[in-house]
Amino acid sequence: MSICIQVIQFRLAGLDEAHYRAHTERVAGAFSNMPGLLSKVWLANAETNTYGGVYTWRDRASLEQYRASEIYAGLVSNPGFTDVSDHEFGILEEATRVTAPALLATI
């Protein structure tokens, strides 16, 4: 099993939450056909001005393909986003099999 979890976080800079939410609705479709992406959960905490996503990738190669994409380049270079962080995690397969069997069944 080689599922990778990617957590991206950032703060909005000069962009209010309403405009950001509208942006997410416009671009969400681009993620629906992304090779190797099993899921993306969009994150928002207006109180701390922290936003981002939790991505579940079929494997590390798919994650790296995303990092090499124009969509990712647009994210990290967007002047409306600051303090961008990108963290990668493996999964604990046996425990995940208990708590998220449907996820592992997709592989």
PDB file of N, CA and C in Angstrom:
ATOM      1  N   MET A   1       0.865  -1.174   0.000  1.00  0.00           N
ATOM      2  CA  MET A   1       0.000   0.000   0.000  1.00  0.00           C
ATOM      3  C   MET A   1       0.902   1.224   0.000  1.00  0.00           C
ATOM      4  N   SER A   2       0.570   2.185  -0.805  1.00  0.00           N
ATOM      5  CA  SER A   2       1.433   3.366  -0.863  1.00  0.00           C
ATOM      6  C   SER A   2       0.629   4.663  -0.811  1.00  0.00           C
ATOM      7  N   ILE A   3      -0.546   4.640  -0.209  1.00  0.00           N
ATOM      8  CA  ILE A   3      -1.354   5.860  -0.102  1.00  0.00           C
ATOM      9  C   ILE A   3      -0.549   6.950   0.580  1.00  0.00           C
ATOM     10  N   CYS A   4      -0.637   8.157   0.045  1.00  0.00           N
ATOM     11  CA  CYS A   4       0.014   9.322   0.634  1.00  0.00           C
ATOM     12  C   CYS A   4      -1.053  10.355   0.986  1.00  0.00           C
ATOM     13  N   ILE A   5      -0.876  10.974   2.132  1.00  0.00           N
ATOM     14  CA  ILE A   5      -1.734  12.072   2.554  1.00  0.00           C
ATOM     15  C   ILE A   5      -0.911  13.352   2.466  1.00  0.00           C
ATOM     16  N   GLN A   6      -1.495  14.361   1.894  1.00  0.00           N
ATOM     17  CA  GLN A   6      -0.847  15.664   1.765  1.00  0.00           C
ATOM     18  C   GLN A   6      -1.734  16.691   2.454  1.00  0.00           C
ATOM     19  N   VAL A   7      -1.132  17.494   3.316  1.00  0.00           N
ATOM     20  CA  VAL A   7      -1.869  18.550   4.003  1.00  0.00           C
ATOM     21  C   VAL A   7      -1.234  19.878   3.605  1.00  0.00           C
ATOM     22  N   ILE A   8      -2.032  20.709   2.951  1.00  0.00           N
ATOM     23  CA  ILE A   8      -1.584  22.038   2.547  1.00  0.00           C
ATOM     24  C   ILE A   8      -2.368  23.052   3.361  1.00  0.00           C
ATOM     25  N   GLN A   9      -1.656  24.027   3.925  1.00  0.00           N
ATOM     26  CA  GLN A   9      -2.294  25.104   4.681  1.00  0.00           C
ATOM     27  C   GLN A   9      -1.745  26.438   4.218  1.00  0.00           C
ATOM     28  N   PHE A  10      -2.567  27.471   4.350  1.00  0.00           N
ATOM     29  CA  PHE A  10      -2.135  28.829   4.032  1.00  0.00           C
ATOM     30  C   PHE A  10      -3.080  29.808   4.687  1.00  0.00           C
ATOM     31  N   ARG A  11      -2.704  31.061   4.646  1.00  0.00           N
ATOM     32  CA  ARG A  11      -3.558  32.151   5.129  1.00  0.00           C
ATOM     33  C   ARG A  11      -3.926  33.020   3.936  1.00  0.00           C
ATOM     34  N   LEU A  12      -5.087  33.630   4.014  1.00  0.00           N
ATOM     35  CA  LEU A  12      -5.503  34.548   2.961  1.00  0.00           C
ATOM     36  C   LEU A  12      -4.819  35.895   3.184  1.00  0.00           C
ATOM     37  N   ALA A  13      -4.368  36.500   2.109  1.00  0.00           N
ATOM     38  CA  ALA A  13      -3.693  37.796   2.169  1.00  0.00           C
ATOM     39  C   ALA A  13      -4.352  38.731   1.154  1.00  0.00           C
ATOM     40  N   GLY A  14      -5.120  39.695   1.637  1.00  0.00           N
ATOM     41  CA  GLY A  14      -5.790  40.622   0.734  1.00  0.00           C
ATOM     42  C   GLY A  14      -6.964  40.002  -0.001  1.00  0.00           C
ATOM     43  N   LEU A  15      -7.450  38.915   0.495  1.00  0.00           N
ATOM     44  CA  LEU A  15      -8.550  38.188  -0.129  1.00  0.00           C
ATOM     45  C   LEU A  15      -9.516  37.809   0.982  1.00  0.00           C
ATOM     46  N   ASP A  16     -10.776  38.206   0.845  1.00  0.00           N
ATOM     47  CA  ASP A  16     -11.710  37.857   1.914  1.00  0.00           C
ATOM     48  C   ASP A  16     -12.268  36.449   1.692  1.00  0.00           C
ATOM     49  N   GLU A  17     -12.869  35.910   2.745  1.00  0.00           N
ATOM     50  CA  GLU A  17     -13.323  34.529   2.697  1.00  0.00           C
ATOM     51  C   GLU A  17     -14.387  34.303   1.623  1.00  0.00           C
ATOM     52  N   ALA A  18     -15.270  35.252   1.416  1.00  0.00           N
ATOM     53  CA  ALA A  18     -16.315  35.077   0.404  1.00  0.00           C
ATOM     54  C   ALA A  18     -15.698  34.902  -0.992  1.00  0.00           C
ATOM     55  N   HIS A  19     -14.682  35.707  -1.294  1.00  0.00           N
ATOM     56  CA  HIS A  19     -14.020  35.576  -2.597  1.00  0.00           C
ATOM     57  C   HIS A  19     -13.264  34.245  -2.687  1.00  0.00           C
ATOM     58  N   TYR A  20     -12.656  33.839  -1.576  1.00  0.00           N
ATOM     59  CA  TYR A  20     -11.942  32.564  -1.576  1.00  0.00           C
ATOM     60  C   TYR A  20     -12.914  31.409  -1.798  1.00  0.00           C
ATOM     61  N   ARG A  21     -14.049  31.431  -1.107  1.00  0.00           N
ATOM     62  CA  ARG A  21     -15.040  30.354  -1.282  1.00  0.00           C
ATOM     63  C   ARG A  21     -15.536  30.296  -2.733  1.00  0.00           C
ATOM     64  N   ALA A  22     -15.765  31.444  -3.333  1.00  0.00           N
ATOM     65  CA  ALA A  22     -16.186  31.471  -4.739  1.00  0.00           C
ATOM     66  C   ALA A  22     -15.091  30.872  -5.629  1.00  0.00           C
ATOM     67  N   HIS A  23     -13.844  31.189  -5.312  1.00  0.00           N
ATOM     68  CA  HIS A  23     -12.713  30.637  -6.063  1.00  0.00           C
ATOM     69  C   HIS A  23     -12.688  29.112  -5.957  1.00  0.00           C
ATOM     70  N   THR A  24     -12.897  28.580  -4.741  1.00  0.00           N
ATOM     71  CA  THR A  24     -12.855  27.124  -4.563  1.00  0.00           C
ATOM     72  C   THR A  24     -13.936  26.442  -5.393  1.00  0.00           C
ATOM     73  N   GLU A  25     -15.097  27.060  -5.469  1.00  0.00           N
ATOM     74  CA  GLU A  25     -16.187  26.477  -6.251  1.00  0.00           C
ATOM     75  C   GLU A  25     -15.861  26.471  -7.737  1.00  0.00           C
ATOM     76  N   ARG A  26     -15.118  27.495  -8.191  1.00  0.00           N
ATOM     77  CA  ARG A  26     -14.735  27.549  -9.609  1.00  0.00           C
ATOM     78  C   ARG A  26     -13.677  26.503  -9.955  1.00  0.00           C
ATOM     79  N   VAL A  27     -12.745  26.243  -9.041  1.00  0.00           N
ATOM     80  CA  VAL A  27     -11.624  25.361  -9.377  1.00  0.00           C
ATOM     81  C   VAL A  27     -11.800  23.916  -8.918  1.00  0.00           C
ATOM     82  N   ALA A  28     -12.810  23.636  -8.118  1.00  0.00           N
ATOM     83  CA  ALA A  28     -12.972  22.282  -7.564  1.00  0.00           C
ATOM     84  C   ALA A  28     -13.027  21.218  -8.655  1.00  0.00           C
ATOM     85  N   GLY A  29     -13.662  21.514  -9.746  1.00  0.00           N
ATOM     86  CA  GLY A  29     -13.782  20.544 -10.830  1.00  0.00           C
ATOM     87  C   GLY A  29     -12.452  20.094 -11.394  1.00  0.00           C
ATOM     88  N   ALA A  30     -11.453  20.957 -11.345  1.00  0.00           N
ATOM     89  CA  ALA A  30     -10.130  20.598 -11.864  1.00  0.00           C
ATOM     90  C   ALA A  30      -9.512  19.456 -11.072  1.00  0.00           C
ATOM     91  N   PHE A  31      -9.936  19.297  -9.826  1.00  0.00           N
ATOM     92  CA  PHE A  31      -9.387  18.235  -8.983  1.00  0.00           C
ATOM     93  C   PHE A  31     -10.116  16.907  -9.171  1.00  0.00           C
ATOM     94  N   SER A  32     -11.331  16.947  -9.690  1.00  0.00           N
ATOM     95  CA  SER A  32     -12.132  15.723  -9.773  1.00  0.00           C
ATOM     96  C   SER A  32     -11.556  14.693 -10.738  1.00  0.00           C
ATOM     97  N   ASN A  33     -10.777  15.121 -11.710  1.00  0.00           N
ATOM     98  CA  ASN A  33     -10.191  14.188 -12.675  1.00  0.00           C
ATOM     99  C   ASN A  33      -8.678  14.098 -12.560  1.00  0.00           C
ATOM    100  N   MET A  34      -8.130  14.567 -11.456  1.00  0.00           N
ATOM    101  CA  MET A  34      -6.683  14.572 -11.292  1.00  0.00           C
ATOM    102  C   MET A  34      -6.181  13.139 -11.093  1.00  0.00           C
ATOM    103  N   PRO A  35      -5.212  12.730 -11.895  1.00  0.00           N
ATOM    104  CA  PRO A  35      -4.718  11.353 -11.808  1.00  0.00           C
ATOM    105  C   PRO A  35      -4.197  11.007 -10.408  1.00  0.00           C
ATOM    106  N   GLY A  36      -4.707   9.930  -9.854  1.00  0.00           N
ATOM    107  CA  GLY A  36      -4.227   9.439  -8.581  1.00  0.00           C
ATOM    108  C   GLY A  36      -4.817  10.094  -7.353  1.00  0.00           C
ATOM    109  N   LEU A  37      -5.642  11.126  -7.531  1.00  0.00           N
ATOM    110  CA  LEU A  37      -6.247  11.788  -6.370  1.00  0.00           C
ATOM    111  C   LEU A  37      -7.505  11.022  -5.979  1.00  0.00           C
ATOM    112  N   LEU A  38      -7.486  10.470  -4.776  1.00  0.00           N
ATOM    113  CA  LEU A  38      -8.638   9.725  -4.282  1.00  0.00           C
ATOM    114  C   LEU A  38      -9.654  10.646  -3.625  1.00  0.00           C
ATOM    115  N   SER A  39      -9.172  11.703  -2.955  1.00  0.00           N
ATOM    116  CA  SER A  39     -10.084  12.674  -2.354  1.00  0.00           C
ATOM    117  C   SER A  39      -9.333  13.948  -2.015  1.00  0.00           C
ATOM    118  N   LYS A  40     -10.074  15.027  -1.981  1.00  0.00           N
ATOM    119  CA  LYS A  40      -9.574  16.297  -1.480  1.00  0.00           C
ATOM    120  C   LYS A  40     -10.662  16.861  -0.582  1.00  0.00           C
ATOM    121  N   VAL A  41     -10.280  17.188   0.651  1.00  0.00           N
ATOM    122  CA  VAL A  41     -11.177  17.833   1.592  1.00  0.00           C
ATOM    123  C   VAL A  41     -10.683  19.259   1.753  1.00  0.00           C
ATOM    124  N   TRP A  42     -11.563  20.222   1.505  1.00  0.00           N
ATOM    125  CA  TRP A  42     -11.219  21.638   1.583  1.00  0.00           C
ATOM    126  C   TRP A  42     -11.367  22.101   3.031  1.00  0.00           C
ATOM    127  N   LEU A  43     -10.376  22.808   3.539  1.00  0.00           N
ATOM    128  CA  LEU A  43     -10.352  23.241   4.931  1.00  0.00           C
ATOM    129  C   LEU A  43     -10.553  24.748   5.051  1.00  0.00           C
ATOM    130  N   ALA A  44     -11.229  25.171   6.112  1.00  0.00           N
ATOM    131  CA  ALA A  44     -11.420  26.600   6.367  1.00  0.00           C
ATOM    132  C   ALA A  44     -11.593  26.841   7.857  1.00  0.00           C
ATOM    133  N   ASN A  45     -10.823  27.785   8.379  1.00  0.00           N
ATOM    134  CA  ASN A  45     -10.997  28.260   9.741  1.00  0.00           C
ATOM    135  C   ASN A  45     -10.891  29.780   9.680  1.00  0.00           C
ATOM    136  N   ALA A  46     -12.043  30.440   9.543  1.00  0.00           N
ATOM    137  CA  ALA A  46     -12.062  31.894   9.389  1.00  0.00           C
ATOM    138  C   ALA A  46     -11.511  32.600  10.620  1.00  0.00           C
ATOM    139  N   GLU A  47     -11.698  32.007  11.790  1.00  0.00           N
ATOM    140  CA  GLU A  47     -11.221  32.643  13.028  1.00  0.00           C
ATOM    141  C   GLU A  47      -9.709  32.808  13.047  1.00  0.00           C
ATOM    142  N   THR A  48      -8.985  31.841  12.484  1.00  0.00           N
ATOM    143  CA  THR A  48      -7.520  31.923  12.459  1.00  0.00           C
ATOM    144  C   THR A  48      -6.982  32.288  11.082  1.00  0.00           C
ATOM    145  N   ASN A  49      -7.900  32.528  10.125  1.00  0.00           N
ATOM    146  CA  ASN A  49      -7.515  32.845   8.747  1.00  0.00           C
ATOM    147  C   ASN A  49      -6.620  31.742   8.173  1.00  0.00           C
ATOM    148  N   THR A  50      -7.002  30.503   8.454  1.00  0.00           N
ATOM    149  CA  THR A  50      -6.243  29.354   7.976  1.00  0.00           C
ATOM    150  C   THR A  50      -7.129  28.524   7.055  1.00  0.00           C
ATOM    151  N   TYR A  51      -6.593  28.218   5.885  1.00  0.00           N
ATOM    152  CA  TYR A  51      -7.338  27.480   4.863  1.00  0.00           C
ATOM    153  C   TYR A  51      -6.416  26.420   4.278  1.00  0.00           C
ATOM    154  N   GLY A  52      -6.953  25.557   3.467  1.00  0.00           N
ATOM    155  CA  GLY A  52      -6.105  24.560   2.830  1.00  0.00           C
ATOM    156  C   GLY A  52      -6.876  23.341   2.405  1.00  0.00           C
ATOM    157  N   GLY A  53      -6.167  22.217   2.357  1.00  0.00           N
ATOM    158  CA  GLY A  53      -6.787  20.984   1.920  1.00  0.00           C
ATOM    159  C   GLY A  53      -6.050  19.766   2.435  1.00  0.00           C
ATOM    160  N   VAL A  54      -6.798  18.684   2.563  1.00  0.00           N
ATOM    161  CA  VAL A  54      -6.231  17.380   2.880  1.00  0.00           C
ATOM    162  C   VAL A  54      -6.464  16.513   1.646  1.00  0.00           C
ATOM    163  N   TYR A  55      -5.388  16.078   1.048  1.00  0.00           N
ATOM    164  CA  TYR A  55      -5.430  15.308  -0.183  1.00  0.00           C
ATOM    165  C   TYR A  55      -5.061  13.863   0.125  1.00  0.00           C
ATOM    166  N   THR A  56      -5.780  12.944  -0.454  1.00  0.00           N
ATOM    167  CA  THR A  56      -5.437  11.534  -0.349  1.00  0.00           C
ATOM    168  C   THR A  56      -5.028  11.069  -1.737  1.00  0.00           C
ATOM    169  N   TRP A  57      -3.773  10.662  -1.857  1.00  0.00           N
ATOM    170  CA  TRP A  57      -3.212  10.238  -3.137  1.00  0.00           C
ATOM    171  C   TRP A  57      -3.040   8.724  -3.168  1.00  0.00           C
ATOM    172  N   ARG A  58      -3.275   8.150  -4.329  1.00  0.00           N
ATOM    173  CA  ARG A  58      -3.123   6.704  -4.522  1.00  0.00           C
ATOM    174  C   ARG A  58      -1.687   6.273  -4.200  1.00  0.00           C
ATOM    175  N   ASP A  59      -0.721   7.115  -4.548  1.00  0.00           N
ATOM    176  CA  ASP A  59       0.687   6.794  -4.308  1.00  0.00           C
ATOM    177  C   ASP A  59       1.512   8.078  -4.357  1.00  0.00           C
ATOM    178  N   ARG A  60       2.764   7.957  -3.988  1.00  0.00           N
ATOM    179  CA  ARG A  60       3.644   9.127  -3.943  1.00  0.00           C
ATOM    180  C   ARG A  60       3.881   9.703  -5.337  1.00  0.00           C
ATOM    181  N   ALA A  61       3.917   8.861  -6.353  1.00  0.00           N
ATOM    182  CA  ALA A  61       4.118   9.341  -7.716  1.00  0.00           C
ATOM    183  C   ALA A  61       2.994  10.297  -8.124  1.00  0.00           C
ATOM    184  N   SER A  62       1.765   9.992  -7.741  1.00  0.00           N
ATOM    185  CA  SER A  62       0.632  10.884  -8.054  1.00  0.00           C
ATOM    186  C   SER A  62       0.781  12.214  -7.330  1.00  0.00           C
ATOM    187  N   LEU A  63       1.203  12.166  -6.067  1.00  0.00           N
ATOM    188  CA  LEU A  63       1.430  13.394  -5.311  1.00  0.00           C
ATOM    189  C   LEU A  63       2.504  14.239  -5.996  1.00  0.00           C
ATOM    190  N   GLU A  64       3.597  13.621  -6.397  1.00  0.00           N
ATOM    191  CA  GLU A  64       4.678  14.355  -7.056  1.00  0.00           C
ATOM    192  C   GLU A  64       4.244  14.916  -8.413  1.00  0.00           C
ATOM    193  N   GLN A  65       3.376  14.195  -9.104  1.00  0.00           N
ATOM    194  CA  GLN A  65       2.847  14.695 -10.374  1.00  0.00           C
ATOM    195  C   GLN A  65       2.044  15.966 -10.123  1.00  0.00           C
ATOM    196  N   TYR A  66       1.271  15.997  -9.035  1.00  0.00           N
ATOM    197  CA  TYR A  66       0.526  17.197  -8.668  1.00  0.00           C
ATOM    198  C   TYR A  66       1.477  18.344  -8.333  1.00  0.00           C
ATOM    199  N   ARG A  67       2.520  18.052  -7.562  1.00  0.00           N
ATOM    200  CA  ARG A  67       3.478  19.104  -7.204  1.00  0.00           C
ATOM    201  C   ARG A  67       4.177  19.690  -8.425  1.00  0.00           C
ATOM    202  N   ALA A  68       4.253  18.938  -9.513  1.00  0.00           N
ATOM    203  CA  ALA A  68       4.875  19.416 -10.747  1.00  0.00           C
ATOM    204  C   ALA A  68       3.868  20.100 -11.676  1.00  0.00           C
ATOM    205  N   SER A  69       2.605  20.176 -11.263  1.00  0.00           N
ATOM    206  CA  SER A  69       1.551  20.695 -12.138  1.00  0.00           C
ATOM    207  C   SER A  69       1.421  22.215 -12.086  1.00  0.00           C
ATOM    208  N   GLU A  70       0.748  22.747 -13.089  1.00  0.00           N
ATOM    209  CA  GLU A  70       0.458  24.182 -13.128  1.00  0.00           C
ATOM    210  C   GLU A  70      -0.494  24.581 -12.000  1.00  0.00           C
ATOM    211  N   ILE A  71      -1.402  23.702 -11.630  1.00  0.00           N
ATOM    212  CA  ILE A  71      -2.339  24.013 -10.543  1.00  0.00           C
ATOM    213  C   ILE A  71      -1.578  24.234  -9.245  1.00  0.00           C
ATOM    214  N   TYR A  72      -0.631  23.354  -8.949  1.00  0.00           N
ATOM    215  CA  TYR A  72       0.164  23.500  -7.729  1.00  0.00           C
ATOM    216  C   TYR A  72       1.035  24.758  -7.795  1.00  0.00           C
ATOM    217  N   ALA A  73       1.650  24.992  -8.937  1.00  0.00           N
ATOM    218  CA  ALA A  73       2.483  26.194  -9.098  1.00  0.00           C
ATOM    219  C   ALA A  73       1.648  27.455  -8.864  1.00  0.00           C
ATOM    220  N   GLY A  74       0.399  27.436  -9.338  1.00  0.00           N
ATOM    221  CA  GLY A  74      -0.491  28.571  -9.114  1.00  0.00           C
ATOM    222  C   GLY A  74      -0.829  28.757  -7.647  1.00  0.00           C
ATOM    223  N   LEU A  75      -0.967  27.655  -6.925  1.00  0.00           N
ATOM    224  CA  LEU A  75      -1.257  27.731  -5.499  1.00  0.00           C
ATOM    225  C   LEU A  75      -0.103  28.373  -4.745  1.00  0.00           C
ATOM    226  N   VAL A  76       1.096  27.847  -4.928  1.00  0.00           N
ATOM    227  CA  VAL A  76       2.225  28.335  -4.136  1.00  0.00           C
ATOM    228  C   VAL A  76       2.688  29.729  -4.552  1.00  0.00           C
ATOM    229  N   SER A  77       2.334  30.171  -5.754  1.00  0.00           N
ATOM    230  CA  SER A  77       2.749  31.506  -6.189  1.00  0.00           C
ATOM    231  C   SER A  77       1.621  32.534  -6.106  1.00  0.00           C
ATOM    232  N   ASN A  78       0.441  32.124  -5.657  1.00  0.00           N
ATOM    233  CA  ASN A  78      -0.715  33.016  -5.586  1.00  0.00           C
ATOM    234  C   ASN A  78      -0.472  34.107  -4.542  1.00  0.00           C
ATOM    235  N   PRO A  79      -0.500  35.380  -4.945  1.00  0.00           N
ATOM    236  CA  PRO A  79      -0.273  36.452  -3.968  1.00  0.00           C
ATOM    237  C   PRO A  79      -1.398  36.573  -2.939  1.00  0.00           C
ATOM    238  N   GLY A  80      -2.521  35.946  -3.178  1.00  0.00           N
ATOM    239  CA  GLY A  80      -3.625  35.944  -2.227  1.00  0.00           C
ATOM    240  C   GLY A  80      -3.454  34.940  -1.101  1.00  0.00           C
ATOM    241  N   PHE A  81      -2.403  34.091  -1.200  1.00  0.00           N
ATOM    242  CA  PHE A  81      -2.114  33.086  -0.179  1.00  0.00           C
ATOM    243  C   PHE A  81      -0.735  33.362   0.409  1.00  0.00           C
ATOM    244  N   THR A  82      -0.631  33.301   1.722  1.00  0.00           N
ATOM    245  CA  THR A  82       0.649  33.486   2.394  1.00  0.00           C
ATOM    246  C   THR A  82       0.865  32.369   3.400  1.00  0.00           C
ATOM    247  N   ASP A  83       2.091  32.216   3.841  1.00  0.00           N
ATOM    248  CA  ASP A  83       2.449  31.170   4.814  1.00  0.00           C
ATOM    249  C   ASP A  83       2.018  29.783   4.318  1.00  0.00           C
ATOM    250  N   VAL A  84       2.259  29.509   3.046  1.00  0.00           N
ATOM    251  CA  VAL A  84       1.868  28.222   2.466  1.00  0.00           C
ATOM    252  C   VAL A  84       2.783  27.123   3.014  1.00  0.00           C
ATOM    253  N   SER A  85       2.166  26.045   3.515  1.00  0.00           N
ATOM    254  CA  SER A  85       2.937  24.876   3.935  1.00  0.00           C
ATOM    255  C   SER A  85       2.365  23.642   3.248  1.00  0.00           C
ATOM    256  N   ASP A  86       3.233  22.680   2.995  1.00  0.00           N
ATOM    257  CA  ASP A  86       2.871  21.451   2.300  1.00  0.00           C
ATOM    258  C   ASP A  86       3.561  20.305   3.036  1.00  0.00           C
ATOM    259  N   HIS A  87       2.770  19.443   3.659  1.00  0.00           N
ATOM    260  CA  HIS A  87       3.320  18.325   4.419  1.00  0.00           C
ATOM    261  C   HIS A  87       2.770  17.011   3.871  1.00  0.00           C
ATOM    262  N   GLU A  88       3.627  16.028   3.846  1.00  0.00           N
ATOM    263  CA  GLU A  88       3.294  14.716   3.286  1.00  0.00           C
ATOM    264  C   GLU A  88       3.369  13.663   4.392  1.00  0.00           C
ATOM    265  N   PHE A  89       2.413  12.744   4.371  1.00  0.00           N
ATOM    266  CA  PHE A  89       2.348  11.682   5.370  1.00  0.00           C
ATOM    267  C   PHE A  89       2.057  10.352   4.697  1.00  0.00           C
ATOM    268  N   GLY A  90       2.611   9.304   5.245  1.00  0.00           N
ATOM    269  CA  GLY A  90       2.180   7.955   4.906  1.00  0.00           C
ATOM    270  C   GLY A  90       1.008   7.613   5.815  1.00  0.00           C
ATOM    271  N   ILE A  91       0.469   6.417   5.656  1.00  0.00           N
ATOM    272  CA  ILE A  91      -0.625   5.999   6.536  1.00  0.00           C
ATOM    273  C   ILE A  91      -0.209   4.770   7.326  1.00  0.00           C
ATOM    274  N   LEU A  92      -0.857   4.577   8.454  1.00  0.00           N
ATOM    275  CA  LEU A  92      -0.718   3.344   9.229  1.00  0.00           C
ATOM    276  C   LEU A  92      -1.819   2.414   8.717  1.00  0.00           C
ATOM    277  N   GLU A  93      -1.432   1.513   7.844  1.00  0.00           N
ATOM    278  CA  GLU A  93      -2.401   0.737   7.076  1.00  0.00           C
ATOM    279  C   GLU A  93      -3.343  -0.104   7.935  1.00  0.00           C
ATOM    280  N   GLU A  94      -2.834  -0.817   8.912  1.00  0.00           N
ATOM    281  CA  GLU A  94      -3.695  -1.714   9.690  1.00  0.00           C
ATOM    282  C   GLU A  94      -4.738  -0.941  10.489  1.00  0.00           C
ATOM    283  N   ALA A  95      -4.344   0.134  11.156  1.00  0.00           N
ATOM    284  CA  ALA A  95      -5.307   0.942  11.910  1.00  0.00           C
ATOM    285  C   ALA A  95      -6.293   1.620  10.960  1.00  0.00           C
ATOM    286  N   THR A  96      -5.805   2.063   9.804  1.00  0.00           N
ATOM    287  CA  THR A  96      -6.684   2.712   8.822  1.00  0.00           C
ATOM    288  C   THR A  96      -7.681   1.710   8.255  1.00  0.00           C
ATOM    289  N   ARG A  97      -7.278   0.466   8.143  1.00  0.00           N
ATOM    290  CA  ARG A  97      -8.197  -0.577   7.656  1.00  0.00           C
ATOM    291  C   ARG A  97      -9.405  -0.698   8.593  1.00  0.00           C
ATOM    292  N   VAL A  98      -9.228  -0.424   9.882  1.00  0.00           N
ATOM    293  CA  VAL A  98     -10.311  -0.476  10.860  1.00  0.00           C
ATOM    294  C   VAL A  98     -11.175   0.775  10.774  1.00  0.00           C
ATOM    295  N   THR A  99     -10.539   1.947  10.660  1.00  0.00           N
ATOM    296  CA  THR A  99     -11.284   3.212  10.733  1.00  0.00           C
ATOM    297  C   THR A  99     -11.744   3.758   9.388  1.00  0.00           C
ATOM    298  N   ALA A 100     -11.135   3.315   8.300  1.00  0.00           N
ATOM    299  CA  ALA A 100     -11.507   3.805   6.966  1.00  0.00           C
ATOM    300  C   ALA A 100     -11.430   2.693   5.938  1.00  0.00           C
ATOM    301  N   PRO A 101     -12.187   1.611   6.143  1.00  0.00           N
ATOM    302  CA  PRO A 101     -12.098   0.486   5.214  1.00  0.00           C
ATOM    303  C   PRO A 101     -12.529   0.855   3.795  1.00  0.00           C
ATOM    304  N   ALA A 102     -13.460   1.779   3.663  1.00  0.00           N
ATOM    305  CA  ALA A 102     -13.920   2.174   2.324  1.00  0.00           C
ATOM    306  C   ALA A 102     -12.793   2.838   1.539  1.00  0.00           C
ATOM    307  N   LEU A 103     -11.954   3.590   2.214  1.00  0.00           N
ATOM    308  CA  LEU A 103     -10.827   4.236   1.537  1.00  0.00           C
ATOM    309  C   LEU A 103      -9.887   3.180   0.989  1.00  0.00           C
ATOM    310  N   LEU A 104      -9.525   2.225   1.800  1.00  0.00           N
ATOM    311  CA  LEU A 104      -8.596   1.195   1.349  1.00  0.00           C
ATOM    312  C   LEU A 104      -9.214   0.292   0.295  1.00  0.00           C
ATOM    313  N   ALA A 105     -10.506   0.155   0.302  1.00  0.00           N
ATOM    314  CA  ALA A 105     -11.194  -0.662  -0.697  1.00  0.00           C
ATOM    315  C   ALA A 105     -11.116  -0.038  -2.091  1.00  0.00           C
ATOM    316  N   THR A 106     -10.851   1.285  -2.170  1.00  0.00           N
ATOM    317  CA  THR A 106     -10.783   1.955  -3.470  1.00  0.00           C
ATOM    318  C   THR A 106      -9.481   1.676  -4.201  1.00  0.00           C
ATOM    319  N   ILE A 107      -8.547   1.103  -3.508  1.00  0.00           N
ATOM    320  CA  ILE A 107      -7.217   0.859  -4.094  1.00  0.00           C
ATOM    321  C   ILE A 107      -7.197  -0.505  -4.765  1.00  0.00           C
TER     322      ILE A 107
END
